[in-house]
Amino acid sequence: MIDHYLWGKTDRISPEAPVPVIDVQSESEHLGGAGNVVNNLIALGADVSVASAIGKDVNGKRLTHMLQSLGVHTDALIVEPDRKTTCKSRVIASHQQVVRFDSETRQDITKESENNILAAIQKKLNDFDIILLSDYGKGVLSARLTRQVIQMARATGIKVLVDPKGKDYSKYSGATLVTPNKKEASEATGIDIVDDESLQKAGFKLKKEFNLDMVMITLSEEGMAIFDDGFRRFPTVAREVYDVTGAGGTVLSTLGFVLAAGGGIDEAARIANAAAAVVVSKLGSATCSWDEIIAYETTLHESTTEHRIKSPEALEMTVKRL
C-alpha cells in the first residue's frame, strides 16, 4: 500500500466546523503495509521479490513504480481490474497526526489472482532464501493462498515468517515463525496476557496448536519473547517514541534477513529489537540501516572512543547513504 502524508501547521479553528485548519507545507509518499517490509529489507541490503495484488488504477501504477525504482522484482505483482490499490493518507500538523483517510478494497482476491500469484512464486521458488508473509487483512493473504505458499515453501526447505492478522491463525499452520504483538496473541489464544505465566501459556499454545517451529510475541516497550524448545525474553531499552507506524514490518524484515543469512533466532531477535527501537524514534513509516542498528547497540553499553572512530571508507559510505 501507499502511505501518503500531507505535512503542515495549524493555528486556527475552521469557522465552518469545529476542526483545525491545516496550512499544508509539503507532501510525501512512501511504501506502506507490506511495502514497509520491502523498504526495510532493501535498506538492509536484501534482494527482494514482491508478490501481491493491486488495482488497475493510478495508485497501482505509482506503487509499481516505487517498487521498481528500489530494484524490487515485481513479476508476481498481479493486477486485479476491479480492485482499489490501498492508499492511506495522513494529515500531520506540528508533528501530530490530525486525521487519516483510506482508499482501498478489503475483500479476498479472486481465485484467478490466487492462481496467478502462486504460479509466479512457484516459478521463482528456488531463488528465495526465505519468504515473509506480511498480513494486513486486505484480502491478498486469503486462507487458500496462505496455506499453499507455506506448504510450497516448507516442501522446498524454505523458512516462512508471518506477521499475522485476525484471530484465526489456522491459515498460518506449518509456518516457521509468527510474530504477533501481545494484544494479537491474546485474541488468537483467548488468554489474557498479564504476566510471564500467561505469556508462556499463550506462546506455547500458539506454537503447538498451529504446528509452528517458533513463536515471537512482541511486547512493545517490554521487548519481545521467543518460544521454541524453551522460553526467553529479550528486553528493550526505552527511548523516546515518536511513531510506532511500521515497527512490526521492521521487526519482520530484520528477523527474516538475519535468519536467511544463517543467523540463529536469538541473534535475530536481538538485532530486530534494536532495529525497532531505531524506527519508533522516527516519524512516519521508517527504515533503519546497519549503521543505525550498530550505533544504537553501541549506546547501550559503555564503549571506548575507538568504537566511534570511522575509517575514510566507512565515512564515505555513510555520507553517500545520507
C-alpha atoms as a PDB file:
ATOM      1  CA  MET A   1       0.000   0.000   0.000  1.00  0.00           C
ATOM      2  CA  ILE A   2       0.973   3.647  -0.282  1.00  0.00           C
ATOM      3  CA  ASP A   3       1.461   5.785   2.827  1.00  0.00           C
ATOM      4  CA  HIS A   4       0.663   9.324   1.736  1.00  0.00           C
ATOM      5  CA  TYR A   5       1.438  12.303   4.000  1.00  0.00           C
ATOM      6  CA  LEU A   6       0.323  15.924   3.993  1.00  0.00           C
ATOM      7  CA  TRP A   7       2.594  17.945   6.293  1.00  0.00           C
ATOM      8  CA  GLY A   8       1.538  21.306   7.643  1.00  0.00           C
ATOM      9  CA  LYS A   9       0.828  23.547  10.608  1.00  0.00           C
ATOM     10  CA  THR A  10      -2.297  24.853  12.263  1.00  0.00           C
ATOM     11  CA  ASP A  11      -3.075  27.899  14.352  1.00  0.00           C
ATOM     12  CA  ARG A  12      -6.843  28.342  13.944  1.00  0.00           C
ATOM     13  CA  ILE A  13     -10.178  26.523  14.004  1.00  0.00           C
ATOM     14  CA  SER A  14     -12.403  26.485  10.926  1.00  0.00           C
ATOM     15  CA  PRO A  15     -15.439  28.803  11.048  1.00  0.00           C
ATOM     16  CA  GLU A  16     -17.372  26.106   9.133  1.00  0.00           C
ATOM     17  CA  ALA A  17     -16.970  23.316  11.729  1.00  0.00           C
ATOM     18  CA  PRO A  18     -15.039  22.693  14.979  1.00  0.00           C
ATOM     19  CA  VAL A  19     -11.964  21.327  13.188  1.00  0.00           C
ATOM     20  CA  PRO A  20      -8.419  22.680  12.799  1.00  0.00           C
ATOM     21  CA  VAL A  21      -7.451  24.349   9.533  1.00  0.00           C
ATOM     22  CA  ILE A  22      -4.184  22.855   8.257  1.00  0.00           C
ATOM     23  CA  ASP A  23      -1.855  25.011   6.214  1.00  0.00           C
ATOM     24  CA  VAL A  24      -0.196  22.325   4.071  1.00  0.00           C
ATOM     25  CA  GLN A  25       3.546  22.945   3.664  1.00  0.00           C
ATOM     26  CA  SER A  26       4.648  19.766   1.886  1.00  0.00           C
ATOM     27  CA  GLU A  27       3.537  16.342   0.667  1.00  0.00           C
ATOM     28  CA  SER A  28       5.280  12.968   0.588  1.00  0.00           C
ATOM     29  CA  GLU A  29       4.541   9.306  -0.057  1.00  0.00           C
ATOM     30  CA  HIS A  30       6.240   6.065   0.892  1.00  0.00           C
ATOM     31  CA  LEU A  31       5.724   2.339   0.588  1.00  0.00           C
ATOM     32  CA  GLY A  32       3.447   1.222   3.415  1.00  0.00           C
ATOM     33  CA  GLY A  33       1.954  -2.018   4.719  1.00  0.00           C
ATOM     34  CA  ALA A  34       3.886  -4.966   3.306  1.00  0.00           C
ATOM     35  CA  GLY A  35       5.765  -2.345   1.261  1.00  0.00           C
ATOM     36  CA  ASN A  36       7.337  -1.154   4.507  1.00  0.00           C
ATOM     37  CA  VAL A  37       8.778  -4.665   4.957  1.00  0.00           C
ATOM     38  CA  VAL A  38      10.173  -4.418   1.424  1.00  0.00           C
ATOM     39  CA  ASN A  39      11.646  -0.988   2.190  1.00  0.00           C
ATOM     40  CA  ASN A  40      13.332  -2.280   5.336  1.00  0.00           C
ATOM     41  CA  LEU A  41      14.754  -5.308   3.524  1.00  0.00           C
ATOM     42  CA  ILE A  42      16.216  -3.077   0.813  1.00  0.00           C
ATOM     43  CA  ALA A  43      17.745  -0.809   3.488  1.00  0.00           C
ATOM     44  CA  LEU A  44      19.431  -3.885   5.000  1.00  0.00           C
ATOM     45  CA  GLY A  45      20.817  -4.915   1.605  1.00  0.00           C
ATOM     46  CA  ALA A  46      18.489  -7.748   0.590  1.00  0.00           C
ATOM     47  CA  ASP A  47      17.481  -8.783  -2.931  1.00  0.00           C
ATOM     48  CA  VAL A  48      13.677  -8.672  -2.818  1.00  0.00           C
ATOM     49  CA  SER A  49      10.789 -10.037  -4.871  1.00  0.00           C
ATOM     50  CA  VAL A  50       7.237  -8.989  -4.026  1.00  0.00           C
ATOM     51  CA  ALA A  51       4.021 -10.964  -4.563  1.00  0.00           C
ATOM     52  CA  SER A  52       0.675  -9.213  -4.138  1.00  0.00           C
ATOM     53  CA  ALA A  53      -2.434  -7.894  -5.902  1.00  0.00           C
ATOM     54  CA  ILE A  54      -3.025  -4.262  -6.809  1.00  0.00           C
ATOM     55  CA  GLY A  55      -5.718  -2.396  -8.711  1.00  0.00           C
ATOM     56  CA  LYS A  56      -5.686  -1.164 -12.287  1.00  0.00           C
ATOM     57  CA  ASP A  57      -5.578   2.445 -11.108  1.00  0.00           C
ATOM     58  CA  VAL A  58      -3.290   5.446 -10.657  1.00  0.00           C
ATOM     59  CA  ASN A  59      -2.207   4.303  -7.188  1.00  0.00           C
ATOM     60  CA  GLY A  60      -1.346   0.863  -8.582  1.00  0.00           C
ATOM     61  CA  LYS A  61       0.914   2.432 -11.212  1.00  0.00           C
ATOM     62  CA  ARG A  62       2.561   4.675  -8.610  1.00  0.00           C
ATOM     63  CA  LEU A  63       3.095   1.727  -6.275  1.00  0.00           C
ATOM     64  CA  THR A  64       4.663  -0.402  -9.017  1.00  0.00           C
ATOM     65  CA  HIS A  65       6.972   2.456  -9.984  1.00  0.00           C
ATOM     66  CA  MET A  66       8.020   2.956  -6.345  1.00  0.00           C
ATOM     67  CA  LEU A  67       8.904  -0.731  -6.010  1.00  0.00           C
ATOM     68  CA  GLN A  68      10.774  -0.915  -9.305  1.00  0.00           C
ATOM     69  CA  SER A  69      12.753   2.250  -8.518  1.00  0.00           C
ATOM     70  CA  LEU A  70      14.140   0.387  -5.485  1.00  0.00           C
ATOM     71  CA  GLY A  71      15.218  -2.536  -7.670  1.00  0.00           C
ATOM     72  CA  VAL A  72      12.459  -4.819  -6.358  1.00  0.00           C
ATOM     73  CA  HIS A  73      11.350  -7.701  -8.625  1.00  0.00           C
ATOM     74  CA  THR A  74       7.632  -7.284  -9.410  1.00  0.00           C
ATOM     75  CA  ASP A  75       6.996 -10.384 -11.563  1.00  0.00           C
ATOM     76  CA  ALA A  76       4.446 -11.650  -9.001  1.00  0.00           C
ATOM     77  CA  LEU A  77       2.630  -8.325  -8.636  1.00  0.00           C
ATOM     78  CA  ILE A  78      -0.807  -9.140 -10.061  1.00  0.00           C
ATOM     79  CA  VAL A  79      -3.237  -6.516 -11.379  1.00  0.00           C
ATOM     80  CA  GLU A  80      -6.907  -7.110 -10.490  1.00  0.00           C
ATOM     81  CA  PRO A  81      -9.061  -4.694 -12.577  1.00  0.00           C
ATOM     82  CA  ASP A  82     -11.933  -4.248 -10.092  1.00  0.00           C
ATOM     83  CA  ARG A  83      -9.664  -3.727  -7.099  1.00  0.00           C
ATOM     84  CA  LYS A  84      -8.563  -0.456  -5.473  1.00  0.00           C
ATOM     85  CA  THR A  85      -4.869  -0.161  -4.606  1.00  0.00           C
ATOM     86  CA  THR A  86      -4.674   0.712  -0.922  1.00  0.00           C
ATOM     87  CA  CYS A  87      -3.597   4.283  -0.163  1.00  0.00           C
ATOM     88  CA  LYS A  88      -3.643   5.711   3.363  1.00  0.00           C
ATOM     89  CA  SER A  89      -3.431   9.494   3.516  1.00  0.00           C
ATOM     90  CA  ARG A  90      -2.427  11.132   6.782  1.00  0.00           C
ATOM     91  CA  VAL A  91      -2.558  14.818   7.661  1.00  0.00           C
ATOM     92  CA  ILE A  92       0.260  15.788  10.059  1.00  0.00           C
ATOM     93  CA  ALA A  93       0.266  19.171  11.800  1.00  0.00           C
ATOM     94  CA  SER A  94       3.118  20.142  14.155  1.00  0.00           C
ATOM     95  CA  HIS A  95       4.281  16.513  14.390  1.00  0.00           C
ATOM     96  CA  GLN A  96       0.793  15.296  15.382  1.00  0.00           C
ATOM     97  CA  GLN A  97      -1.457  13.178  13.165  1.00  0.00           C
ATOM     98  CA  VAL A  98      -4.762  15.032  12.756  1.00  0.00           C
ATOM     99  CA  VAL A  99      -6.718  12.666  10.511  1.00  0.00           C
ATOM    100  CA  ARG A 100      -6.268   9.668   8.211  1.00  0.00           C
ATOM    101  CA  PHE A 101      -8.408   8.729   5.208  1.00  0.00           C
ATOM    102  CA  ASP A 102      -8.143   5.434   3.315  1.00  0.00           C
ATOM    103  CA  SER A 103      -8.953   4.316  -0.214  1.00  0.00           C
ATOM    104  CA  GLU A 104      -8.892   0.526  -0.578  1.00  0.00           C
ATOM    105  CA  THR A 105     -10.567  -2.824  -1.302  1.00  0.00           C
ATOM    106  CA  ARG A 106     -10.682  -5.360   1.545  1.00  0.00           C
ATOM    107  CA  GLN A 107     -12.411  -8.428   0.131  1.00  0.00           C
ATOM    108  CA  ASP A 108     -10.426 -11.525  -0.781  1.00  0.00           C
ATOM    109  CA  ILE A 109      -8.708 -11.542  -4.148  1.00  0.00           C
ATOM    110  CA  THR A 110     -10.245 -13.724  -6.866  1.00  0.00           C
ATOM    111  CA  LYS A 111      -9.313 -17.372  -7.337  1.00  0.00           C
ATOM    112  CA  GLU A 112      -7.710 -16.394 -10.646  1.00  0.00           C
ATOM    113  CA  SER A 113      -5.475 -13.880  -8.851  1.00  0.00           C
ATOM    114  CA  GLU A 114      -4.584 -16.519  -6.237  1.00  0.00           C
ATOM    115  CA  ASN A 115      -3.571 -18.939  -9.001  1.00  0.00           C
ATOM    116  CA  ASN A 116      -1.515 -16.270 -10.794  1.00  0.00           C
ATOM    117  CA  ILE A 117       0.365 -15.320  -7.615  1.00  0.00           C
ATOM    118  CA  LEU A 118       1.023 -18.966  -6.717  1.00  0.00           C
ATOM    119  CA  ALA A 119       2.305 -19.709 -10.233  1.00  0.00           C
ATOM    120  CA  ALA A 120       4.627 -16.679 -10.124  1.00  0.00           C
ATOM    121  CA  ILE A 121       6.033 -17.734  -6.733  1.00  0.00           C
ATOM    122  CA  GLN A 122       6.448 -21.363  -7.811  1.00  0.00           C
ATOM    123  CA  LYS A 123       8.356 -20.249 -10.903  1.00  0.00           C
ATOM    124  CA  LYS A 124      10.996 -18.421  -8.830  1.00  0.00           C
ATOM    125  CA  LEU A 125      10.843 -20.518  -5.640  1.00  0.00           C
ATOM    126  CA  ASN A 126      14.395 -21.802  -5.904  1.00  0.00           C
ATOM    127  CA  ASP A 127      15.683 -18.206  -5.975  1.00  0.00           C
ATOM    128  CA  PHE A 128      14.438 -17.493  -2.444  1.00  0.00           C
ATOM    129  CA  ASP A 129      16.259 -17.925   0.870  1.00  0.00           C
ATOM    130  CA  ILE A 130      13.189 -17.019   2.924  1.00  0.00           C
ATOM    131  CA  ILE A 131       9.537 -15.962   2.472  1.00  0.00           C
ATOM    132  CA  LEU A 132       7.899 -13.282   4.611  1.00  0.00           C
ATOM    133  CA  LEU A 133       4.104 -13.025   4.829  1.00  0.00           C
ATOM    134  CA  SER A 134       3.041  -9.566   5.982  1.00  0.00           C
ATOM    135  CA  ASP A 135      -0.719  -9.813   6.570  1.00  0.00           C
ATOM    136  CA  TYR A 136      -2.738  -6.598   6.768  1.00  0.00           C
ATOM    137  CA  GLY A 137      -6.148  -8.236   6.352  1.00  0.00           C
ATOM    138  CA  LYS A 138      -6.758  -6.596   2.976  1.00  0.00           C
ATOM    139  CA  GLY A 139      -7.729  -9.816   1.177  1.00  0.00           C
ATOM    140  CA  VAL A 140      -4.464 -10.777  -0.548  1.00  0.00           C
ATOM    141  CA  LEU A 141      -3.391 -13.388   2.005  1.00  0.00           C
ATOM    142  CA  SER A 142      -6.574 -15.433   1.715  1.00  0.00           C
ATOM    143  CA  ALA A 143      -6.720 -18.725   3.606  1.00  0.00           C
ATOM    144  CA  ARG A 144      -6.099 -20.792   0.447  1.00  0.00           C
ATOM    145  CA  LEU A 145      -3.216 -18.666  -0.834  1.00  0.00           C
ATOM    146  CA  THR A 146      -1.516 -18.516   2.572  1.00  0.00           C
ATOM    147  CA  ARG A 147      -1.720 -22.266   3.159  1.00  0.00           C
ATOM    148  CA  GLN A 148      -0.468 -23.040  -0.362  1.00  0.00           C
ATOM    149  CA  VAL A 149       2.534 -20.692  -0.057  1.00  0.00           C
ATOM    150  CA  ILE A 150       3.518 -22.213   3.319  1.00  0.00           C
ATOM    151  CA  GLN A 151       3.184 -25.781   2.010  1.00  0.00           C
ATOM    152  CA  MET A 152       5.097 -24.934  -1.147  1.00  0.00           C
ATOM    153  CA  ALA A 153       7.944 -23.279   0.759  1.00  0.00           C
ATOM    154  CA  ARG A 154       8.280 -25.883   3.507  1.00  0.00           C
ATOM    155  CA  ALA A 155       8.362 -28.698   0.938  1.00  0.00           C
ATOM    156  CA  THR A 156      11.418 -26.968  -0.549  1.00  0.00           C
ATOM    157  CA  GLY A 157      13.034 -26.325   2.861  1.00  0.00           C
ATOM    158  CA  ILE A 158      12.416 -22.568   2.795  1.00  0.00           C
ATOM    159  CA  LYS A 159      11.586 -20.804   6.073  1.00  0.00           C
ATOM    160  CA  VAL A 160       8.310 -18.837   6.228  1.00  0.00           C
ATOM    161  CA  LEU A 161       7.903 -15.937   8.667  1.00  0.00           C
ATOM    162  CA  VAL A 162       4.464 -14.423   9.318  1.00  0.00           C
ATOM    163  CA  ASP A 163       3.335 -11.087  10.729  1.00  0.00           C
ATOM    164  CA  PRO A 164      -0.274 -12.204  11.391  1.00  0.00           C
ATOM    165  CA  LYS A 165      -3.670 -10.519  11.316  1.00  0.00           C
ATOM    166  CA  GLY A 166      -7.023 -11.508  12.823  1.00  0.00           C
ATOM    167  CA  LYS A 167      -7.946 -14.094  15.441  1.00  0.00           C
ATOM    168  CA  ASP A 168      -7.826 -17.281  13.337  1.00  0.00           C
ATOM    169  CA  TYR A 169      -4.235 -18.458  12.831  1.00  0.00           C
ATOM    170  CA  SER A 170      -5.177 -21.767  11.197  1.00  0.00           C
ATOM    171  CA  LYS A 171      -4.153 -20.466   7.774  1.00  0.00           C
ATOM    172  CA  TYR A 172      -0.599 -19.967   9.135  1.00  0.00           C
ATOM    173  CA  SER A 173      -0.287 -23.628  10.228  1.00  0.00           C
ATOM    174  CA  GLY A 174       3.136 -25.077   9.494  1.00  0.00           C
ATOM    175  CA  ALA A 175       4.942 -21.718   9.244  1.00  0.00           C
ATOM    176  CA  THR A 176       8.428 -21.357  10.706  1.00  0.00           C
ATOM    177  CA  LEU A 177       7.629 -18.344  12.871  1.00  0.00           C
ATOM    178  CA  VAL A 178       4.713 -15.997  13.635  1.00  0.00           C
ATOM    179  CA  THR A 179       5.241 -12.592  15.249  1.00  0.00           C
ATOM    180  CA  PRO A 180       2.020 -11.340  16.902  1.00  0.00           C
ATOM    181  CA  ASN A 181       2.079  -8.498  19.403  1.00  0.00           C
ATOM    182  CA  LYS A 182       0.711  -9.073  22.911  1.00  0.00           C
ATOM    183  CA  LYS A 183      -2.842  -7.953  22.041  1.00  0.00           C
ATOM    184  CA  GLU A 184      -2.944 -10.123  18.892  1.00  0.00           C
ATOM    185  CA  ALA A 185      -1.603 -13.166  20.790  1.00  0.00           C
ATOM    186  CA  SER A 186      -4.263 -12.675  23.484  1.00  0.00           C
ATOM    187  CA  GLU A 187      -7.042 -12.513  20.891  1.00  0.00           C
ATOM    188  CA  ALA A 188      -5.763 -15.549  18.966  1.00  0.00           C
ATOM    189  CA  THR A 189      -5.463 -17.740  22.080  1.00  0.00           C
ATOM    190  CA  GLY A 190      -8.227 -16.366  24.314  1.00  0.00           C
ATOM    191  CA  ILE A 191      -5.612 -15.933  27.060  1.00  0.00           C
ATOM    192  CA  ASP A 192      -5.379 -12.569  28.810  1.00  0.00           C
ATOM    193  CA  ILE A 193      -1.632 -11.882  28.910  1.00  0.00           C
ATOM    194  CA  VAL A 194      -0.925 -10.112  32.201  1.00  0.00           C
ATOM    195  CA  ASP A 195       2.288 -11.761  33.471  1.00  0.00           C
ATOM    196  CA  ASP A 196       5.043 -14.216  32.493  1.00  0.00           C
ATOM    197  CA  GLU A 197       2.871 -17.234  33.294  1.00  0.00           C
ATOM    198  CA  SER A 198       0.012 -16.179  30.981  1.00  0.00           C
ATOM    199  CA  LEU A 199       2.556 -15.038  28.373  1.00  0.00           C
ATOM    200  CA  GLN A 200       4.123 -18.503  28.298  1.00  0.00           C
ATOM    201  CA  LYS A 201       0.731 -20.214  28.125  1.00  0.00           C
ATOM    202  CA  ALA A 202      -0.235 -18.090  25.112  1.00  0.00           C
ATOM    203  CA  GLY A 203       3.084 -18.515  23.296  1.00  0.00           C
ATOM    204  CA  PHE A 204       3.280 -22.284  23.671  1.00  0.00           C
ATOM    205  CA  LYS A 205      -0.433 -22.677  22.844  1.00  0.00           C
ATOM    206  CA  LEU A 206       0.115 -20.898  19.514  1.00  0.00           C
ATOM    207  CA  LYS A 207       3.206 -22.992  18.765  1.00  0.00           C
ATOM    208  CA  LYS A 208       1.513 -26.316  19.497  1.00  0.00           C
ATOM    209  CA  GLU A 209      -1.942 -25.600  18.081  1.00  0.00           C
ATOM    210  CA  PHE A 210      -0.672 -24.370  14.719  1.00  0.00           C
ATOM    211  CA  ASN A 211       2.390 -26.606  14.323  1.00  0.00           C
ATOM    212  CA  LEU A 212       4.866 -23.702  14.313  1.00  0.00           C
ATOM    213  CA  ASP A 213       8.621 -24.050  14.737  1.00  0.00           C
ATOM    214  CA  MET A 214       8.787 -20.820  16.745  1.00  0.00           C
ATOM    215  CA  VAL A 215       6.613 -18.009  18.070  1.00  0.00           C
ATOM    216  CA  MET A 216       7.744 -14.475  18.850  1.00  0.00           C
ATOM    217  CA  ILE A 217       5.399 -12.214  20.826  1.00  0.00           C
ATOM    218  CA  THR A 218       6.389  -8.555  20.667  1.00  0.00           C
ATOM    219  CA  LEU A 219       5.780  -6.675  23.917  1.00  0.00           C
ATOM    220  CA  SER A 220       6.175  -3.020  22.905  1.00  0.00           C
ATOM    221  CA  GLU A 221       8.475  -1.241  25.386  1.00  0.00           C
ATOM    222  CA  GLU A 222       8.988  -4.550  27.243  1.00  0.00           C
ATOM    223  CA  GLY A 223      10.850  -6.068  24.287  1.00  0.00           C
ATOM    224  CA  MET A 224       9.923  -9.483  22.895  1.00  0.00           C
ATOM    225  CA  ALA A 225       9.522 -13.109  23.931  1.00  0.00           C
ATOM    226  CA  ILE A 226      10.687 -16.194  21.988  1.00  0.00           C
ATOM    227  CA  PHE A 227       9.083 -19.631  22.186  1.00  0.00           C
ATOM    228  CA  ASP A 228      10.828 -22.601  20.572  1.00  0.00           C
ATOM    229  CA  ASP A 229      12.067 -25.511  22.688  1.00  0.00           C
ATOM    230  CA  GLY A 230      12.075 -23.066  25.597  1.00  0.00           C
ATOM    231  CA  PHE A 231      11.037 -19.540  26.570  1.00  0.00           C
ATOM    232  CA  ARG A 232      13.260 -16.444  26.538  1.00  0.00           C
ATOM    233  CA  ARG A 233      12.622 -12.725  26.889  1.00  0.00           C
ATOM    234  CA  PHE A 234      14.620 -10.029  25.136  1.00  0.00           C
ATOM    235  CA  PRO A 235      14.188  -6.670  26.906  1.00  0.00           C
ATOM    236  CA  THR A 236      14.481  -3.396  25.060  1.00  0.00           C
ATOM    237  CA  VAL A 237      15.923  -0.127  26.286  1.00  0.00           C
ATOM    238  CA  ALA A 238      13.290   2.603  26.276  1.00  0.00           C
ATOM    239  CA  ARG A 239      13.847   5.631  24.084  1.00  0.00           C
ATOM    240  CA  GLU A 240      11.564   8.493  23.199  1.00  0.00           C
ATOM    241  CA  VAL A 241       8.825   7.105  20.974  1.00  0.00           C
ATOM    242  CA  TYR A 242       7.591   9.380  18.187  1.00  0.00           C
ATOM    243  CA  ASP A 243       5.673   6.952  15.969  1.00  0.00           C
ATOM    244  CA  VAL A 244       5.150   3.168  16.058  1.00  0.00           C
ATOM    245  CA  THR A 245       3.946   3.117  12.413  1.00  0.00           C
ATOM    246  CA  GLY A 246       5.684   0.276  10.583  1.00  0.00           C
ATOM    247  CA  ALA A 247       7.577  -1.062  13.617  1.00  0.00           C
ATOM    248  CA  GLY A 248       6.085  -4.533  13.072  1.00  0.00           C
ATOM    249  CA  GLY A 249       7.350  -4.500   9.491  1.00  0.00           C
ATOM    250  CA  THR A 250      10.827  -3.565  10.693  1.00  0.00           C
ATOM    251  CA  VAL A 251      10.853  -6.490  13.140  1.00  0.00           C
ATOM    252  CA  LEU A 252       9.665  -8.955  10.461  1.00  0.00           C
ATOM    253  CA  SER A 253      12.181  -7.787   7.848  1.00  0.00           C
ATOM    254  CA  THR A 254      15.122  -7.791  10.265  1.00  0.00           C
ATOM    255  CA  LEU A 255      14.268 -11.255  11.595  1.00  0.00           C
ATOM    256  CA  GLY A 256      13.917 -12.508   8.033  1.00  0.00           C
ATOM    257  CA  PHE A 257      17.199 -11.006   6.885  1.00  0.00           C
ATOM    258  CA  VAL A 258      19.228 -12.446   9.788  1.00  0.00           C
ATOM    259  CA  LEU A 259      17.631 -15.922   9.589  1.00  0.00           C
ATOM    260  CA  ALA A 260      18.060 -16.006   5.791  1.00  0.00           C
ATOM    261  CA  ALA A 261      21.745 -15.143   6.238  1.00  0.00           C
ATOM    262  CA  GLY A 262      22.203 -18.139   8.557  1.00  0.00           C
ATOM    263  CA  GLY A 263      21.835 -16.431  11.932  1.00  0.00           C
ATOM    264  CA  GLY A 264      20.012 -18.002  14.864  1.00  0.00           C
ATOM    265  CA  ILE A 265      16.735 -16.814  16.357  1.00  0.00           C
ATOM    266  CA  ASP A 266      18.375 -15.249  19.441  1.00  0.00           C
ATOM    267  CA  GLU A 267      20.735 -13.178  17.304  1.00  0.00           C
ATOM    268  CA  ALA A 268      17.861 -12.244  15.008  1.00  0.00           C
ATOM    269  CA  ALA A 269      15.696 -11.181  17.966  1.00  0.00           C
ATOM    270  CA  ARG A 270      18.448  -9.017  19.458  1.00  0.00           C
ATOM    271  CA  ILE A 271      19.036  -7.214  16.154  1.00  0.00           C
ATOM    272  CA  ALA A 272      15.301  -6.854  15.433  1.00  0.00           C
ATOM    273  CA  ASN A 273      14.838  -5.335  18.895  1.00  0.00           C
ATOM    274  CA  ALA A 274      17.482  -2.726  18.136  1.00  0.00           C
ATOM    275  CA  ALA A 275      16.030  -2.018  14.689  1.00  0.00           C
ATOM    276  CA  ALA A 276      12.541  -1.471  16.153  1.00  0.00           C
ATOM    277  CA  ALA A 277      13.965   0.920  18.766  1.00  0.00           C
ATOM    278  CA  VAL A 278      15.562   2.955  15.972  1.00  0.00           C
ATOM    279  CA  VAL A 279      12.422   3.262  13.814  1.00  0.00           C
ATOM    280  CA  VAL A 280       9.982   4.219  16.598  1.00  0.00           C
ATOM    281  CA  SER A 281      12.172   7.249  17.272  1.00  0.00           C
ATOM    282  CA  LYS A 282      11.353   8.479  13.730  1.00  0.00           C
ATOM    283  CA  LEU A 283       8.103   9.994  12.458  1.00  0.00           C
ATOM    284  CA  GLY A 284       6.198   8.020   9.806  1.00  0.00           C
ATOM    285  CA  SER A 285       6.875   4.523   8.423  1.00  0.00           C
ATOM    286  CA  ALA A 286      10.629   4.324   8.686  1.00  0.00           C
ATOM    287  CA  THR A 287      13.568   2.097   7.862  1.00  0.00           C
ATOM    288  CA  CYS A 288      16.922   1.720   9.526  1.00  0.00           C
ATOM    289  CA  SER A 289      20.345   0.834   8.187  1.00  0.00           C
ATOM    290  CA  TRP A 290      23.014  -1.416   9.685  1.00  0.00           C
ATOM    291  CA  ASP A 291      24.901   1.754  10.660  1.00  0.00           C
ATOM    292  CA  GLU A 292      21.936   2.903  12.749  1.00  0.00           C
ATOM    293  CA  ILE A 293      21.463  -0.524  14.358  1.00  0.00           C
ATOM    294  CA  ILE A 294      25.148  -0.663  15.291  1.00  0.00           C
ATOM    295  CA  ALA A 295      25.070   2.925  16.578  1.00  0.00           C
ATOM    296  CA  TYR A 296      22.027   2.119  18.730  1.00  0.00           C
ATOM    297  CA  GLU A 297      23.605  -1.010  20.185  1.00  0.00           C
ATOM    298  CA  THR A 298      26.808   0.938  20.912  1.00  0.00           C
ATOM    299  CA  THR A 299      24.802   3.388  23.062  1.00  0.00           C
ATOM    300  CA  LEU A 300      23.515   0.502  25.213  1.00  0.00           C
ATOM    301  CA  HIS A 301      26.879  -0.072  26.856  1.00  0.00           C
ATOM    302  CA  GLU A 302      29.955   1.896  27.648  1.00  0.00           C
ATOM    303  CA  SER A 303      32.421   1.845  24.805  1.00  0.00           C
ATOM    304  CA  THR A 304      35.823   3.286  24.167  1.00  0.00           C
ATOM    305  CA  THR A 305      36.478   6.074  21.677  1.00  0.00           C
ATOM    306  CA  GLU A 306      37.909   3.533  19.225  1.00  0.00           C
ATOM    307  CA  HIS A 307      34.425   2.109  18.605  1.00  0.00           C
ATOM    308  CA  ARG A 308      33.286   5.505  17.321  1.00  0.00           C
ATOM    309  CA  ILE A 309      36.203   6.305  15.025  1.00  0.00           C
ATOM    310  CA  LYS A 310      35.407   5.644  11.356  1.00  0.00           C
ATOM    311  CA  SER A 311      37.765   4.928   8.508  1.00  0.00           C
ATOM    312  CA  PRO A 312      37.601   7.215   5.427  1.00  0.00           C
ATOM    313  CA  GLU A 313      35.931   4.358   3.523  1.00  0.00           C
ATOM    314  CA  ALA A 314      33.234   3.885   6.184  1.00  0.00           C
ATOM    315  CA  LEU A 315      32.618   7.651   6.315  1.00  0.00           C
ATOM    316  CA  GLU A 316      32.274   7.780   2.539  1.00  0.00           C
ATOM    317  CA  MET A 317      29.595   5.038   2.628  1.00  0.00           C
ATOM    318  CA  THR A 318      27.704   6.829   5.427  1.00  0.00           C
ATOM    319  CA  VAL A 319      27.809  10.165   3.596  1.00  0.00           C
ATOM    320  CA  LYS A 320      26.604   8.508   0.396  1.00  0.00           C
ATOM    321  CA  ARG A 321      23.699   6.844   2.216  1.00  0.00           C
ATOM    322  CA  LEU A 322      22.645  10.056   3.986  1.00  0.00           C
END
